[in-house]
Amino acid sequence: MVKDPICNMDVDPVSAAGKSDYLGKTYYFCSLGCKKAFDKEPQKYIGKPEDSHSGDHH
C-alpha cells in the first residue's frame, strides 16, 4: 500500500483511481479529485515536511 499525498489514505497502486509522476516519483490517489488537486500544485503536498505548518494559521 502507498499513501495518497493529498488525503493520506492508504491506496493500493493496482486499484488506485489515478496516478501522477512528479520529479521521477509516482504518486497514487484514492480518487480523481485527489489527483486533480495534486496535479494543480504538487509542491504544496510534497514540499519539505518542516514547512507544512508554516503560514497555516487561520
Protein backbone atom coordinates (compact mmCIF):
# COMPACT_ATOMS: atom_id res chain seq x y z
CA MET A 1 0.00 0.00 0.00
CA VAL A 2 1.07 3.56 -0.65
CA LYS A 3 -0.14 6.83 0.85
CA ASP A 4 -2.29 9.26 -1.10
CA PRO A 5 -0.30 12.51 -0.68
CA ILE A 6 -3.50 14.57 -0.60
CA CYS A 7 -5.65 12.81 1.98
CA ASN A 8 -3.02 10.49 3.49
CA MET A 9 -5.21 7.46 2.86
CA ASP A 10 -3.71 4.05 2.13
CA VAL A 11 -4.09 3.29 -1.59
CA ASP A 12 -3.38 0.07 -3.43
CA PRO A 13 -1.34 1.04 -6.52
CA VAL A 14 -3.12 -1.69 -8.51
CA SER A 15 -6.59 -0.26 -7.90
CA ALA A 16 -5.72 3.42 -7.42
CA ALA A 17 -8.16 5.84 -9.07
CA GLY A 18 -5.29 7.81 -10.53
CA LYS A 19 -1.54 8.30 -10.53
CA SER A 20 0.87 11.09 -11.35
CA ASP A 21 4.58 11.13 -11.97
CA TYR A 22 6.36 14.06 -10.39
CA LEU A 23 10.12 14.58 -10.06
CA GLY A 24 10.76 10.98 -11.01
CA LYS A 25 8.44 9.54 -8.38
CA THR A 26 4.99 8.06 -8.90
CA TYR A 27 2.15 9.11 -6.62
CA TYR A 28 -1.13 7.22 -6.35
CA PHE A 29 -4.54 8.62 -5.46
CA CYS A 30 -7.74 7.27 -3.93
CA SER A 31 -9.84 9.47 -6.20
CA LEU A 32 -9.56 11.64 -9.28
CA GLY A 33 -10.30 14.63 -7.08
CA CYS A 34 -7.11 14.00 -5.14
CA LYS A 35 -5.17 13.54 -8.37
CA LYS A 36 -6.51 16.83 -9.73
CA ALA A 37 -5.54 18.68 -6.57
CA PHE A 38 -2.04 17.20 -6.74
CA ASP A 39 -1.59 17.96 -10.44
CA LYS A 40 -2.61 21.56 -9.81
CA GLU A 41 0.01 22.25 -7.13
CA PRO A 42 2.15 19.20 -6.32
CA GLN A 43 4.71 21.21 -4.39
CA LYS A 44 2.04 22.09 -1.83
CA TYR A 45 1.61 18.43 -0.95
CA ILE A 46 5.13 17.06 -1.18
CA GLY A 47 7.06 20.12 -0.07
CA LYS A 48 9.53 19.87 2.77
CA PRO A 49 7.82 18.37 5.85
CA GLU A 50 9.23 21.06 8.13
CA ASP A 51 7.36 23.68 6.10
CA SER A 52 3.97 22.01 6.36
CA HIS A 53 2.77 24.06 9.37
CA SER A 54 4.14 27.46 8.43
CA GLY A 55 1.64 30.08 7.36
CA ASP A 56 -1.22 27.74 8.16
CA HIS A 57 -2.74 29.75 11.00
CA HIS A 58 -6.33 30.84 10.44
